N, C-alpha and C. Protein backbone atom coordinates (compact mmCIF):
# COMPACT_ATOMS: atom_id res chain seq x y z
N MET A 1 20.97 -12.97 3.20
CA MET A 1 19.99 -12.28 3.78
C MET A 1 19.68 -13.96 3.22
N THR A 2 18.30 -14.17 4.13
CA THR A 2 17.68 -15.46 4.11
C THR A 2 16.25 -15.14 4.36
N VAL A 3 15.61 -15.34 3.40
CA VAL A 3 13.83 -15.26 3.94
C VAL A 3 13.24 -14.96 4.98
N ILE A 4 14.07 -15.83 6.02
CA ILE A 4 13.51 -15.62 7.37
C ILE A 4 13.83 -14.12 7.75
N ASP A 5 15.30 -13.66 7.38
CA ASP A 5 15.55 -12.76 7.72
C ASP A 5 14.72 -11.62 7.17
N ALA A 6 14.43 -11.98 6.06
CA ALA A 6 13.32 -10.81 5.19
C ALA A 6 12.17 -10.66 5.97
N ALA A 7 11.91 -11.88 6.31
CA ALA A 7 10.00 -11.34 7.29
C ALA A 7 10.20 -10.86 8.67
N ARG A 8 11.44 -11.15 9.06
CA ARG A 8 11.84 -11.00 10.28
C ARG A 8 11.71 -9.19 10.42
N GLY A 9 12.72 -8.39 9.26
CA GLY A 9 12.72 -7.29 8.48
C GLY A 9 11.42 -6.61 8.78
N PHE A 10 10.37 -7.04 7.87
CA PHE A 10 9.09 -6.62 8.11
C PHE A 10 8.61 -6.64 9.00
N LEU A 11 8.69 -8.02 9.81
CA LEU A 11 7.92 -7.94 10.98
C LEU A 11 8.28 -6.60 12.22
N ARG A 12 9.70 -6.62 12.19
CA ARG A 12 10.20 -5.46 12.95
C ARG A 12 9.74 -3.97 12.27
N ALA A 13 9.61 -3.81 10.81
CA ALA A 13 8.75 -2.57 10.34
C ALA A 13 7.15 -2.40 10.92
N GLY A 14 6.72 -3.33 11.35
CA GLY A 14 5.37 -3.34 12.07
C GLY A 14 4.45 -3.69 10.95
N ASP A 15 4.94 -4.55 9.53
CA ASP A 15 4.42 -5.04 8.64
C ASP A 15 3.82 -6.37 8.49
N PRO A 16 2.87 -6.75 9.23
CA PRO A 16 2.25 -8.31 9.33
C PRO A 16 1.90 -8.76 7.99
N ALA A 17 1.17 -8.34 6.89
CA ALA A 17 0.73 -8.37 5.87
C ALA A 17 2.34 -8.67 4.86
N ASN A 18 3.30 -8.27 5.11
CA ASN A 18 4.29 -8.96 4.45
C ASN A 18 5.31 -9.85 4.54
N THR A 19 4.99 -9.79 6.64
CA THR A 19 5.58 -10.65 6.88
C THR A 19 5.44 -12.35 6.63
N ALA A 20 3.38 -11.78 6.83
CA ALA A 20 3.10 -13.55 6.69
C ALA A 20 3.31 -13.70 4.84
N ARG A 21 3.53 -12.71 3.90
CA ARG A 21 3.52 -12.87 2.30
C ARG A 21 4.53 -13.66 2.32
N VAL A 22 5.77 -13.61 2.93
CA VAL A 22 6.79 -14.02 2.75
C VAL A 22 7.34 -15.13 3.87
N LEU A 23 6.99 -15.36 4.39
CA LEU A 23 6.71 -16.71 5.51
C LEU A 23 6.21 -17.77 4.88
N LEU A 24 5.10 -17.73 3.82
CA LEU A 24 4.20 -18.51 3.20
C LEU A 24 4.66 -18.90 1.90
N ASN A 25 5.66 -17.76 1.42
CA ASN A 25 6.26 -18.38 0.51
C ASN A 25 6.99 -19.26 0.82
N ALA A 26 8.19 -18.92 1.78
CA ALA A 26 9.17 -19.79 2.52
C ALA A 26 8.87 -21.41 2.84
N GLU A 27 7.48 -20.66 3.32
CA GLU A 27 6.57 -22.03 3.76
C GLU A 27 6.60 -22.57 2.64
N ARG A 28 6.42 -22.59 1.66
CA ARG A 28 5.50 -23.44 0.17
C ARG A 28 7.21 -23.29 -0.05
N LEU A 29 8.38 -23.12 -0.42
CA LEU A 29 9.43 -23.23 -1.02
C LEU A 29 10.81 -24.22 -0.24
N ALA A 30 10.66 -24.00 1.09
CA ALA A 30 11.37 -24.36 1.61
C ALA A 30 10.67 -24.27 3.09
N PRO A 31 9.91 -25.67 3.59
CA PRO A 31 8.99 -25.64 4.39
C PRO A 31 9.76 -25.62 5.82
N TYR A 32 10.99 -26.59 5.96
CA TYR A 32 12.07 -26.68 6.64
C TYR A 32 12.39 -25.24 7.69
N GLU A 33 12.68 -24.23 6.58
CA GLU A 33 12.87 -22.69 7.40
C GLU A 33 11.48 -22.66 8.32
N VAL A 34 10.64 -22.89 8.01
CA VAL A 34 9.52 -21.85 9.14
C VAL A 34 9.24 -23.01 9.81
N ARG A 35 9.02 -24.42 9.46
CA ARG A 35 8.74 -25.12 10.33
C ARG A 35 9.49 -26.30 11.48
N ARG A 36 10.72 -26.00 11.15
CA ARG A 36 11.94 -26.46 12.14
C ARG A 36 12.83 -25.82 12.72
N ARG A 37 12.85 -25.07 12.32
CA ARG A 37 14.01 -24.17 12.49
C ARG A 37 13.88 -23.07 13.45
N PRO A 38 14.64 -22.57 14.63
CA PRO A 38 14.29 -21.92 15.75
C PRO A 38 13.45 -20.52 15.30
N VAL A 39 14.44 -20.10 14.87
CA VAL A 39 14.53 -18.10 14.26
C VAL A 39 13.01 -18.08 13.33
N GLY A 40 12.66 -19.57 12.49
CA GLY A 40 11.69 -19.55 11.23
C GLY A 40 9.95 -19.72 12.19
N ARG A 41 10.22 -20.21 13.46
CA ARG A 41 9.43 -20.62 14.32
C ARG A 41 8.99 -19.60 14.71
N ASP A 42 10.10 -18.88 15.46
CA ASP A 42 10.27 -17.42 16.36
C ASP A 42 8.90 -16.53 15.91
N VAL A 43 9.50 -16.14 14.30
CA VAL A 43 9.23 -15.50 13.90
C VAL A 43 7.79 -15.61 13.55
N LEU A 44 7.34 -17.08 12.81
CA LEU A 44 6.09 -17.04 12.80
C LEU A 44 5.29 -16.74 13.85
N ALA A 45 5.68 -17.51 15.09
CA ALA A 45 5.18 -16.96 16.14
C ALA A 45 4.66 -15.77 16.57
N GLU A 46 5.36 -15.20 16.36
CA GLU A 46 5.70 -13.89 16.46
C GLU A 46 4.45 -12.77 15.93
N VAL A 47 4.80 -13.11 14.44
CA VAL A 47 3.79 -12.58 13.51
C VAL A 47 2.20 -12.94 13.85
N ALA A 48 1.98 -14.08 14.18
CA ALA A 48 0.35 -14.68 14.26
C ALA A 48 -0.16 -14.29 15.84
N ARG A 49 0.93 -13.87 16.75
CA ARG A 49 -0.26 -13.21 17.67
C ARG A 49 -0.34 -11.68 17.19
N ASP A 50 -0.23 -10.75 16.59
CA ASP A 50 -0.31 -9.53 15.70
C ASP A 50 -2.10 -9.66 15.09
N PRO A 51 -2.67 -8.84 15.82
CA PRO A 51 -4.08 -9.07 15.39
C PRO A 51 -4.26 -8.74 13.90
N LYS A 52 -3.14 -7.97 13.36
CA LYS A 52 -3.71 -7.69 11.72
C LYS A 52 -2.93 -8.91 10.84
N ALA A 53 -2.26 -9.77 11.36
CA ALA A 53 -1.78 -10.45 10.56
C ALA A 53 -3.05 -11.72 9.61
N PRO A 54 -3.08 -12.25 8.84
CA PRO A 54 -3.83 -12.80 7.72
C PRO A 54 -4.02 -14.05 8.83
N ALA A 55 -5.32 -14.54 9.01
CA ALA A 55 -5.80 -16.16 9.64
C ALA A 55 -5.40 -16.64 9.09
N VAL A 56 -4.73 -16.77 7.86
CA VAL A 56 -3.70 -18.07 7.47
C VAL A 56 -2.30 -18.43 8.30
N ILE A 57 -2.17 -17.03 8.57
CA ILE A 57 -0.65 -16.91 9.87
C ILE A 57 -1.09 -17.86 10.85
N ALA A 58 -1.67 -17.43 11.69
CA ALA A 58 -2.57 -18.08 12.52
C ALA A 58 -2.57 -19.05 12.16
N GLU A 59 -3.18 -19.92 11.57
CA GLU A 59 -3.66 -21.31 11.09
C GLU A 59 -2.45 -22.26 11.40
N LEU A 60 -1.39 -21.55 10.58
CA LEU A 60 -0.49 -22.54 10.15
C LEU A 60 0.36 -22.87 11.43
N ALA A 61 0.60 -21.39 12.49
CA ALA A 61 0.97 -21.70 13.39
C ALA A 61 0.75 -22.26 14.52
N LEU A 62 -0.89 -22.16 14.74
CA LEU A 62 -1.56 -23.47 15.56
C LEU A 62 -1.76 -25.28 14.88
N SER A 63 -1.34 -25.35 13.60
CA SER A 63 -0.80 -26.42 13.07
C SER A 63 0.40 -26.58 13.54
N LEU A 64 1.54 -25.86 13.95
CA LEU A 64 3.01 -26.51 14.48
C LEU A 64 2.82 -26.50 16.04
N GLY A 65 1.75 -26.18 16.39
CA GLY A 65 2.05 -26.10 18.09
C GLY A 65 2.23 -24.82 18.62
N LEU A 66 2.36 -23.39 17.69
CA LEU A 66 3.20 -22.25 18.22
C LEU A 66 2.02 -21.03 18.86
N GLY A 67 0.20 -21.90 18.69
CA GLY A 67 -0.62 -20.98 19.30
C GLY A 67 -0.82 -20.62 20.56
């Protein structure tokens, strides 16, 4: 299981806070996974649309052109 898989699991469970936490940790440790891999970008874009997601996620998505 990858961190992106974990983030996707939290997203499917309706937990945007933990989705964001996992994505931000992944972005710090392995930015390619979030910034360039399609699955990472998809999870980021999806959680960024959730009104309960932390603002930093929306900012990251916008900076990557996913907004």
